[in-house]
N, C-alpha and C. Protein backbone atom coordinates (compact mmCIF):
# COMPACT_ATOMS: atom_id res chain seq x y z
N MET A 1 6.83 -2.76 -5.53
CA MET A 1 6.10 -3.86 -4.94
C MET A 1 4.62 -3.64 -5.17
N LEU A 2 3.82 -4.26 -4.32
CA LEU A 2 2.38 -4.14 -4.50
C LEU A 2 1.88 -2.84 -3.90
N LYS A 3 1.49 -1.95 -4.70
CA LYS A 3 0.95 -0.66 -4.26
C LYS A 3 -0.34 -0.40 -5.00
N SER A 4 -1.23 0.35 -4.37
CA SER A 4 -2.45 0.68 -5.09
C SER A 4 -2.11 1.72 -6.15
N VAL A 5 -2.75 1.63 -7.27
CA VAL A 5 -2.49 2.55 -8.36
C VAL A 5 -3.46 3.70 -8.24
N CYS A 6 -2.93 4.89 -8.04
CA CYS A 6 -3.76 6.08 -7.88
C CYS A 6 -3.55 6.96 -9.11
N PRO A 7 -4.63 7.45 -9.68
CA PRO A 7 -4.48 8.30 -10.86
C PRO A 7 -3.61 9.52 -10.54
N ARG A 8 -2.51 9.66 -11.23
CA ARG A 8 -1.57 10.75 -10.95
C ARG A 8 -1.98 12.05 -11.63
N LEU A 9 -2.74 11.98 -12.69
CA LEU A 9 -3.09 13.19 -13.41
C LEU A 9 -4.27 13.93 -12.80
N PHE A 10 -5.08 13.26 -12.01
CA PHE A 10 -6.25 13.89 -11.42
C PHE A 10 -5.88 15.09 -10.54
N PRO A 11 -4.93 14.96 -9.58
CA PRO A 11 -4.55 16.13 -8.78
C PRO A 11 -3.96 17.26 -9.62
N ILE A 12 -3.22 16.92 -10.65
CA ILE A 12 -2.64 17.95 -11.51
C ILE A 12 -3.74 18.72 -12.24
N ALA A 13 -4.74 18.00 -12.70
CA ALA A 13 -5.86 18.66 -13.38
C ALA A 13 -6.61 19.59 -12.43
N ILE A 14 -6.77 19.18 -11.18
CA ILE A 14 -7.46 20.03 -10.20
C ILE A 14 -6.65 21.28 -9.94
N PHE A 15 -5.33 21.16 -9.77
CA PHE A 15 -4.51 22.35 -9.53
C PHE A 15 -4.52 23.29 -10.74
N ARG A 16 -4.59 22.72 -11.91
CA ARG A 16 -4.67 23.56 -13.11
C ARG A 16 -5.97 24.36 -13.09
N LEU A 17 -7.06 23.70 -12.68
CA LEU A 17 -8.34 24.42 -12.56
C LEU A 17 -8.26 25.51 -11.50
N ILE A 18 -7.58 25.21 -10.38
CA ILE A 18 -7.44 26.21 -9.33
C ILE A 18 -6.71 27.43 -9.85
N LEU A 19 -5.64 27.22 -10.59
CA LEU A 19 -4.88 28.34 -11.12
C LEU A 19 -5.70 29.16 -12.12
N GLU A 20 -6.53 28.47 -12.90
CA GLU A 20 -7.37 29.18 -13.87
C GLU A 20 -8.50 29.94 -13.18
N GLN A 21 -8.94 29.47 -12.02
CA GLN A 21 -10.07 30.06 -11.32
C GLN A 21 -9.63 30.82 -10.07
N THR A 22 -8.49 31.47 -10.09
CA THR A 22 -7.95 32.09 -8.88
C THR A 22 -8.82 33.20 -8.32
N ASN A 23 -9.62 33.87 -9.12
CA ASN A 23 -10.46 34.95 -8.63
C ASN A 23 -11.91 34.51 -8.43
N HIS A 24 -12.17 33.25 -8.54
CA HIS A 24 -13.52 32.73 -8.46
C HIS A 24 -13.73 32.06 -7.10
N PRO A 25 -14.90 32.22 -6.47
CA PRO A 25 -15.16 31.58 -5.17
C PRO A 25 -15.08 30.05 -5.21
N MET A 26 -15.18 29.47 -6.38
CA MET A 26 -15.14 28.02 -6.49
C MET A 26 -13.75 27.45 -6.22
N ARG A 27 -12.76 28.31 -6.15
CA ARG A 27 -11.39 27.83 -5.93
C ARG A 27 -11.25 27.10 -4.59
N TYR A 28 -12.06 27.49 -3.57
CA TYR A 28 -11.98 26.81 -2.29
C TYR A 28 -12.46 25.36 -2.39
N LEU A 29 -13.48 25.16 -3.19
CA LEU A 29 -13.96 23.81 -3.43
C LEU A 29 -12.90 23.01 -4.19
N LEU A 30 -12.26 23.64 -5.15
CA LEU A 30 -11.22 22.97 -5.91
C LEU A 30 -10.01 22.62 -5.04
N ILE A 31 -9.67 23.51 -4.12
CA ILE A 31 -8.57 23.22 -3.20
C ILE A 31 -8.93 22.03 -2.31
N LEU A 32 -10.15 21.98 -1.84
CA LEU A 32 -10.61 20.86 -1.03
C LEU A 32 -10.55 19.56 -1.82
N LEU A 33 -11.00 19.58 -3.07
CA LEU A 33 -10.94 18.40 -3.92
C LEU A 33 -9.49 17.95 -4.15
N ALA A 34 -8.60 18.91 -4.31
CA ALA A 34 -7.19 18.57 -4.51
C ALA A 34 -6.61 17.89 -3.27
N LEU A 35 -6.94 18.40 -2.09
CA LEU A 35 -6.45 17.78 -0.86
C LEU A 35 -6.99 16.36 -0.70
N ILE A 36 -8.25 16.17 -1.03
CA ILE A 36 -8.84 14.83 -0.96
C ILE A 36 -8.16 13.90 -1.96
N ALA A 37 -7.88 14.41 -3.16
CA ALA A 37 -7.25 13.58 -4.19
C ALA A 37 -5.86 13.13 -3.75
N PHE A 38 -5.10 14.02 -3.11
CA PHE A 38 -3.75 13.65 -2.69
C PHE A 38 -3.76 12.70 -1.50
N SER A 39 -4.67 12.90 -0.57
CA SER A 39 -4.68 12.03 0.61
C SER A 39 -5.50 10.77 0.39
N GLY A 40 -6.42 10.78 -0.55
CA GLY A 40 -7.31 9.65 -0.75
C GLY A 40 -6.63 8.42 -1.30
N CYS A 41 -5.51 8.55 -1.96
CA CYS A 41 -4.83 7.39 -2.55
C CYS A 41 -4.38 6.42 -1.48
N ASP A 42 -3.91 6.90 -0.35
CA ASP A 42 -3.48 6.02 0.73
C ASP A 42 -4.65 5.29 1.36
N LEU A 43 -5.82 5.92 1.36
CA LEU A 43 -6.99 5.29 1.95
C LEU A 43 -7.49 4.12 1.11
N LEU A 44 -7.18 4.12 -0.18
CA LEU A 44 -7.63 3.06 -1.07
C LEU A 44 -6.80 1.80 -0.94
N SER A 45 -5.62 1.91 -0.41
CA SER A 45 -4.70 0.78 -0.32
C SER A 45 -5.10 -0.12 0.84
N ASP A 46 -5.17 -1.43 0.59
CA ASP A 46 -5.44 -2.36 1.67
C ASP A 46 -4.23 -3.26 1.92
N ILE A 47 -3.06 -2.69 1.69
CA ILE A 47 -1.80 -3.41 1.90
C ILE A 47 -1.17 -2.93 3.20
N GLN A 48 -0.88 -3.87 4.08
CA GLN A 48 -0.20 -3.56 5.32
C GLN A 48 1.26 -3.94 5.17
N GLU A 49 2.15 -3.00 5.40
CA GLU A 49 3.59 -3.24 5.30
C GLU A 49 4.17 -3.37 6.71
N LEU A 50 4.96 -4.42 6.92
CA LEU A 50 5.61 -4.64 8.21
C LEU A 50 7.12 -4.70 7.98
N GLU A 51 7.85 -3.89 8.72
CA GLU A 51 9.31 -3.83 8.58
C GLU A 51 9.95 -5.09 9.15
N GLY A 52 10.96 -5.59 8.43
CA GLY A 52 11.67 -6.79 8.85
C GLY A 52 12.71 -6.48 9.90
N PRO A 53 13.33 -7.48 10.43
CA PRO A 53 13.23 -8.89 10.06
C PRO A 53 11.91 -9.49 10.54
N CYS A 54 11.43 -10.48 9.78
CA CYS A 54 10.15 -11.12 10.08
C CYS A 54 10.30 -12.64 10.06
N THR A 55 9.46 -13.29 10.84
CA THR A 55 9.39 -14.74 10.88
C THR A 55 7.97 -15.15 10.53
N ILE A 56 7.84 -16.10 9.60
CA ILE A 56 6.53 -16.58 9.15
C ILE A 56 6.44 -18.05 9.52
N GLN A 57 5.40 -18.41 10.26
CA GLN A 57 5.18 -19.80 10.66
C GLN A 57 4.19 -20.43 9.67
N LEU A 58 4.65 -21.46 8.96
CA LEU A 58 3.81 -22.12 7.96
C LEU A 58 2.93 -23.19 8.61
N VAL A 59 1.86 -23.55 7.93
CA VAL A 59 0.92 -24.54 8.42
C VAL A 59 1.60 -25.90 8.60
N ASP A 60 2.54 -26.23 7.73
CA ASP A 60 3.20 -27.54 7.80
C ASP A 60 4.31 -27.60 8.86
N GLY A 61 4.47 -26.54 9.65
CA GLY A 61 5.45 -26.53 10.74
C GLY A 61 6.76 -25.85 10.41
N ARG A 62 7.04 -25.62 9.13
CA ARG A 62 8.28 -24.93 8.75
C ARG A 62 8.19 -23.46 9.12
N THR A 63 9.36 -22.84 9.22
CA THR A 63 9.46 -21.41 9.53
C THR A 63 10.27 -20.73 8.45
N ILE A 64 9.80 -19.57 8.01
CA ILE A 64 10.52 -18.76 7.03
C ILE A 64 10.96 -17.48 7.74
N SER A 65 12.22 -17.13 7.58
CA SER A 65 12.75 -15.88 8.13
C SER A 65 13.18 -14.99 6.98
N THR A 66 12.86 -13.72 7.09
CA THR A 66 13.27 -12.75 6.09
C THR A 66 13.71 -11.47 6.78
N SER A 67 14.72 -10.84 6.24
CA SER A 67 15.20 -9.58 6.82
C SER A 67 14.50 -8.38 6.19
N ASP A 68 13.79 -8.62 5.10
CA ASP A 68 13.10 -7.53 4.39
C ASP A 68 11.69 -7.30 4.94
N THR A 69 11.06 -6.29 4.40
CA THR A 69 9.69 -5.96 4.73
C THR A 69 8.75 -7.01 4.15
N ILE A 70 7.70 -7.36 4.90
CA ILE A 70 6.66 -8.22 4.33
C ILE A 70 5.41 -7.36 4.12
N GLU A 71 4.60 -7.76 3.17
CA GLU A 71 3.36 -7.05 2.87
C GLU A 71 2.20 -8.02 2.95
N ILE A 72 1.10 -7.57 3.54
CA ILE A 72 -0.08 -8.41 3.67
C ILE A 72 -1.25 -7.70 3.01
N LEU A 73 -1.87 -8.36 2.06
CA LEU A 73 -3.06 -7.85 1.41
C LEU A 73 -4.23 -8.16 2.33
N GLU A 74 -4.77 -7.13 2.99
CA GLU A 74 -5.75 -7.32 4.04
C GLU A 74 -7.04 -7.98 3.54
N SER A 75 -7.43 -7.73 2.31
CA SER A 75 -8.69 -8.28 1.81
C SER A 75 -8.63 -9.80 1.63
N THR A 76 -7.45 -10.35 1.33
CA THR A 76 -7.34 -11.80 1.11
C THR A 76 -6.44 -12.48 2.13
N GLY A 77 -5.61 -11.73 2.85
CA GLY A 77 -4.67 -12.31 3.79
C GLY A 77 -3.40 -12.82 3.13
N THR A 78 -3.23 -12.56 1.84
CA THR A 78 -2.03 -13.00 1.14
C THR A 78 -0.81 -12.24 1.66
N LEU A 79 0.23 -12.99 1.98
CA LEU A 79 1.45 -12.43 2.53
C LEU A 79 2.53 -12.51 1.45
N THR A 80 3.25 -11.42 1.25
CA THR A 80 4.31 -11.36 0.24
C THR A 80 5.62 -11.00 0.91
N TYR A 81 6.68 -11.72 0.54
CA TYR A 81 8.00 -11.47 1.11
C TYR A 81 9.08 -11.77 0.08
N ARG A 82 10.30 -11.35 0.36
CA ARG A 82 11.45 -11.65 -0.49
C ARG A 82 12.40 -12.57 0.28
N ASP A 83 12.93 -13.57 -0.44
CA ASP A 83 13.89 -14.46 0.20
C ASP A 83 15.29 -13.83 0.17
N GLU A 84 16.28 -14.57 0.65
CA GLU A 84 17.65 -14.02 0.74
C GLU A 84 18.26 -13.75 -0.63
N ASP A 85 17.72 -14.37 -1.69
CA ASP A 85 18.20 -14.10 -3.05
C ASP A 85 17.45 -12.95 -3.73
N GLY A 86 16.48 -12.37 -3.02
CA GLY A 86 15.71 -11.27 -3.58
C GLY A 86 14.49 -11.70 -4.38
N LYS A 87 14.22 -13.01 -4.41
CA LYS A 87 13.05 -13.50 -5.14
C LYS A 87 11.78 -13.19 -4.35
N LEU A 88 10.73 -12.81 -5.07
CA LEU A 88 9.46 -12.45 -4.47
C LEU A 88 8.58 -13.70 -4.34
N TRP A 89 8.04 -13.91 -3.14
CA TRP A 89 7.18 -15.05 -2.86
C TRP A 89 5.87 -14.58 -2.24
N SER A 90 4.80 -15.29 -2.51
CA SER A 90 3.50 -15.00 -1.90
C SER A 90 2.94 -16.25 -1.26
N LEU A 91 2.32 -16.08 -0.11
CA LEU A 91 1.67 -17.16 0.60
C LEU A 91 0.21 -16.79 0.82
N THR A 92 -0.69 -17.70 0.51
CA THR A 92 -2.11 -17.45 0.80
C THR A 92 -2.34 -17.61 2.29
N SER A 93 -3.45 -17.13 2.78
CA SER A 93 -3.74 -17.21 4.22
C SER A 93 -3.86 -18.66 4.70
N GLU A 94 -4.14 -19.59 3.78
CA GLU A 94 -4.23 -21.01 4.15
C GLU A 94 -2.84 -21.65 4.31
N GLU A 95 -1.79 -21.00 3.79
CA GLU A 95 -0.45 -21.58 3.83
C GLU A 95 0.37 -21.19 5.05
N TYR A 96 -0.04 -20.15 5.78
CA TYR A 96 0.72 -19.75 6.97
C TYR A 96 -0.23 -19.62 8.16
N GLU A 97 0.36 -19.88 9.34
CA GLU A 97 -0.41 -19.77 10.58
C GLU A 97 -0.28 -18.40 11.21
N SER A 98 0.95 -17.88 11.23
CA SER A 98 1.20 -16.61 11.89
C SER A 98 2.47 -15.99 11.34
N TYR A 99 2.69 -14.75 11.75
CA TYR A 99 3.90 -14.03 11.38
C TYR A 99 4.21 -13.04 12.49
N SER A 100 5.48 -12.70 12.61
CA SER A 100 5.89 -11.68 13.58
C SER A 100 7.08 -10.94 13.01
N CYS A 101 7.10 -9.66 13.29
CA CYS A 101 8.19 -8.81 12.81
C CYS A 101 8.75 -8.00 13.97
N ASN A 102 10.05 -7.75 13.91
CA ASN A 102 10.71 -6.98 14.98
C ASN A 102 10.93 -5.57 14.55
């Protein structure tokens, strides 16, 4: 689904440097950088995931129900869900009034 893309090779490169510099005082800085690299990817994501079942109230009065997880892109308010056939749908913030998940 929609996930932030985090460089996967960066943490590996840092660990490789740590292994090469095992007797050097700089290894503590490298370990710190590696921890930041692994945890920082989640901080970059602005996607909120809500576990289903969920109900979405549309502006035109219709209601959409889904048993799957919905995702909301916090920067734009775009809501993404899957219907009962597994098709992926997106609604802009202007197309829905509210949503609730159980």
